[in-house]
Amino acid sequence: MNHLTLTRRRFGLLAASGLVAPAPALASSVREITWDDLIPPGVPYSEIVGEGDVDEVNDSWNPIFDENGSKLNLDLDGKAIKMPGYIIPLESGSAGVTEFVLVPYVGACIHVPPPPPNQLVFVTSSVPWPSDQLWDAIWVTGTLSAKMQSTSLGEIGYELAASAIEIYEW
């Protein structure tokens, strides 16, 4: 009976020590982020868009992004992240879209001026996203790079190599 009790105690101690010991950080741990996280700490969203100009001919507003609109959150560079957004397709085939810009709201960049560069993410995916789901909100998971680039849609502040794309459930 004593031997059995001792075994139970040892088992209990071993189990408890495994529960309270700090687990090693996983290199592949994914951080869920929001669009605000793409703005560097200390830069309020209200300070990334300047006054802009009104285009009388096209009846539109063309914002001027001040330097804060191009500032990137370098703390996220090289990190595994998961973030929500909408697709603006760039490269597609019969199987679906493999390159797109992830934007914070539906229709951004199409009929309105684009968001500032630090609110745009260029996404590449080896697995095509179905063309019949382009207007759905999605989650994209992958490795984020803080790297400015120019496209036909404008300046884009981030690049994401997607490892997973899924429908955003409301």
Protein backbone atom coordinates (compact mmCIF):
# COMPACT_ATOMS: atom_id res chain seq x y z
CA MET A 1 0.00 0.00 0.00
CA ASN A 2 2.83 2.40 0.84
CA HIS A 3 4.52 1.64 -2.48
CA LEU A 4 1.29 2.38 -4.35
CA THR A 5 0.82 5.68 -2.50
CA LEU A 6 4.36 6.70 -3.23
CA THR A 7 3.88 5.93 -6.91
CA ARG A 8 0.73 8.02 -6.98
CA ARG A 9 2.53 10.87 -5.22
CA ARG A 10 5.42 10.70 -7.65
CA PHE A 11 2.99 10.59 -10.55
CA GLY A 12 1.10 13.56 -9.13
CA LEU A 13 4.29 15.55 -8.63
CA LEU A 14 5.52 14.75 -12.10
CA ALA A 15 2.18 15.69 -13.64
CA ALA A 16 1.99 18.92 -11.64
CA SER A 17 5.54 19.92 -12.51
CA GLY A 18 4.75 19.44 -16.17
CA LEU A 19 1.76 21.72 -15.86
CA VAL A 20 3.52 24.55 -14.10
CA ALA A 21 6.86 24.42 -15.93
CA PRO A 22 7.08 27.06 -18.63
CA ALA A 23 6.59 25.54 -22.05
CA PRO A 24 9.23 26.43 -24.62
CA ALA A 25 8.05 29.06 -27.07
CA LEU A 26 7.11 27.50 -30.35
CA ALA A 27 8.80 29.03 -33.36
CA SER A 28 5.64 28.37 -35.32
CA SER A 29 3.26 30.07 -32.87
CA VAL A 30 0.90 32.32 -34.78
CA ARG A 31 -0.09 35.75 -33.49
CA GLU A 32 -3.59 36.93 -34.36
CA ILE A 33 -3.42 40.61 -35.32
CA THR A 34 -5.78 43.40 -36.34
CA TRP A 35 -5.28 46.20 -38.85
CA ASP A 36 -4.30 48.57 -36.04
CA ASP A 37 -1.32 46.32 -35.31
CA LEU A 38 0.14 47.21 -38.72
CA ILE A 39 0.53 50.82 -37.59
CA PRO A 40 3.69 51.35 -35.52
CA PRO A 41 3.17 51.81 -31.79
CA GLY A 42 2.63 55.46 -30.90
CA VAL A 43 1.15 56.47 -34.28
CA PRO A 44 -2.62 57.06 -34.00
CA TYR A 45 -4.74 55.95 -36.97
CA SER A 46 -6.10 59.49 -37.22
CA GLU A 47 -2.60 60.72 -38.10
CA ILE A 48 -1.91 58.54 -41.14
CA VAL A 49 -4.17 60.32 -43.64
CA GLY A 50 -3.63 63.95 -44.58
CA GLU A 51 -6.13 66.42 -46.02
CA GLY A 52 -6.08 65.29 -49.65
CA ASP A 53 -7.52 66.85 -52.79
CA VAL A 54 -10.96 66.75 -54.35
CA ASP A 55 -10.99 65.55 -57.96
CA GLU A 56 -13.83 67.64 -59.43
CA VAL A 57 -13.81 65.78 -62.76
CA ASN A 58 -14.18 62.30 -61.26
CA ASP A 59 -16.10 63.50 -58.19
CA SER A 60 -13.75 61.77 -55.78
CA TRP A 61 -11.45 62.52 -52.90
CA ASN A 62 -7.76 61.71 -53.26
CA PRO A 63 -6.20 61.48 -49.82
CA ILE A 64 -2.64 62.51 -49.23
CA PHE A 65 -0.90 60.04 -46.96
CA ASP A 66 1.60 61.74 -44.75
CA GLU A 67 4.76 59.98 -43.60
CA ASN A 68 2.79 58.15 -40.89
CA GLY A 69 0.81 56.32 -43.59
CA SER A 70 4.04 54.76 -44.83
CA LYS A 71 5.49 53.89 -41.43
CA LEU A 72 5.50 50.14 -40.86
CA ASN A 73 5.45 48.11 -37.67
CA LEU A 74 8.86 46.46 -37.93
CA ASP A 75 8.14 44.35 -34.83
CA LEU A 76 5.93 42.19 -37.08
CA ASP A 77 8.61 41.62 -39.74
CA GLY A 78 9.25 37.90 -40.17
CA LYS A 79 6.51 36.91 -37.72
CA ALA A 80 3.87 34.22 -38.21
CA ILE A 81 0.52 36.02 -38.09
CA LYS A 82 -3.18 35.51 -38.74
CA MET A 83 -5.32 38.46 -39.79
CA PRO A 84 -8.75 39.13 -41.31
CA GLY A 85 -9.52 41.13 -44.42
CA TYR A 86 -10.90 41.25 -47.94
CA ILE A 87 -9.37 40.28 -51.28
CA ILE A 88 -8.48 42.56 -54.17
CA PRO A 89 -7.30 40.01 -56.79
CA LEU A 90 -4.11 40.63 -58.74
CA GLU A 91 -3.20 37.23 -60.23
CA SER A 92 -5.76 34.56 -60.96
CA GLY A 93 -6.29 31.53 -63.13
CA SER A 94 -8.97 28.94 -63.70
CA ALA A 95 -8.25 27.41 -60.27
CA GLY A 96 -8.56 30.73 -58.42
CA VAL A 97 -6.53 33.64 -57.09
CA THR A 98 -2.87 33.19 -56.11
CA GLU A 99 -1.85 36.83 -55.62
CA PHE A 100 -4.00 39.50 -54.05
CA VAL A 101 -3.99 42.57 -51.86
CA LEU A 102 -5.55 42.06 -48.45
CA VAL A 103 -7.51 45.17 -47.47
CA PRO A 104 -9.32 46.19 -44.27
CA TYR A 105 -12.77 46.73 -45.82
CA VAL A 106 -14.71 45.42 -48.79
CA GLY A 107 -14.16 47.34 -52.02
CA ALA A 108 -11.04 49.21 -50.91
CA CYS A 109 -8.86 50.24 -53.87
CA ILE A 110 -11.59 49.68 -56.46
CA HIS A 111 -13.94 52.67 -56.49
CA VAL A 112 -12.44 54.72 -53.70
CA PRO A 113 -8.93 55.91 -52.95
CA PRO A 114 -6.85 53.10 -51.47
CA PRO A 115 -6.01 52.88 -47.79
CA PRO A 116 -2.52 54.06 -46.80
CA PRO A 117 0.41 51.71 -47.52
CA ASN A 118 0.59 50.50 -43.92
CA GLN A 119 -3.00 49.25 -44.26
CA LEU A 120 -2.36 47.09 -47.36
CA VAL A 121 -0.88 43.59 -47.48
CA PHE A 122 0.33 41.90 -50.69
CA VAL A 123 -0.46 38.18 -50.34
CA THR A 124 0.92 35.25 -52.32
CA SER A 125 -0.50 31.76 -51.98
CA SER A 126 0.61 28.49 -53.53
CA VAL A 127 -2.95 27.19 -53.10
CA PRO A 128 -5.42 29.24 -55.20
CA TRP A 129 -8.35 30.85 -53.39
CA PRO A 130 -11.63 30.07 -55.22
CA SER A 131 -12.80 32.87 -57.51
CA ASP A 132 -16.40 32.44 -56.35
CA GLN A 133 -15.38 33.50 -52.81
CA LEU A 134 -13.65 36.79 -53.64
CA TRP A 135 -16.13 38.97 -51.77
CA ASP A 136 -16.10 36.94 -48.57
CA ALA A 137 -14.22 38.14 -45.51
CA ILE A 138 -11.24 35.84 -44.92
CA TRP A 139 -8.53 34.93 -42.42
CA VAL A 140 -5.02 34.71 -43.84
CA THR A 141 -2.22 32.98 -41.95
CA GLY A 142 1.43 33.19 -42.92
CA THR A 143 4.75 34.94 -42.50
CA LEU A 144 4.56 38.74 -42.68
CA SER A 145 7.28 40.94 -44.17
CA ALA A 146 7.39 44.69 -43.57
CA LYS A 147 8.52 45.66 -47.06
CA MET A 148 7.24 48.56 -49.20
CA GLN A 149 6.47 47.80 -52.83
CA SER A 150 4.69 49.47 -55.73
CA THR A 151 1.82 47.86 -57.63
CA SER A 152 -0.82 49.03 -60.09
CA LEU A 153 -3.04 49.70 -57.04
CA GLY A 154 -0.46 51.88 -55.32
CA GLU A 155 2.13 51.55 -52.58
CA ILE A 156 1.79 48.47 -50.36
CA GLY A 157 3.55 48.28 -47.01
CA TYR A 158 3.48 44.58 -46.20
CA GLU A 159 3.90 41.22 -47.90
CA LEU A 160 2.49 37.93 -46.63
CA ALA A 161 3.38 34.42 -47.79
CA ALA A 162 0.11 32.64 -47.02
CA SER A 163 0.22 29.19 -45.46
CA ALA A 164 -3.56 29.08 -44.94
CA ILE A 165 -6.62 31.02 -46.07
CA GLU A 166 -10.09 30.44 -44.66
CA ILE A 167 -13.50 32.08 -44.53
CA TYR A 168 -13.91 34.55 -41.66
CA GLU A 169 -16.83 33.37 -39.52
CA TRP A 170 -18.86 36.23 -38.03
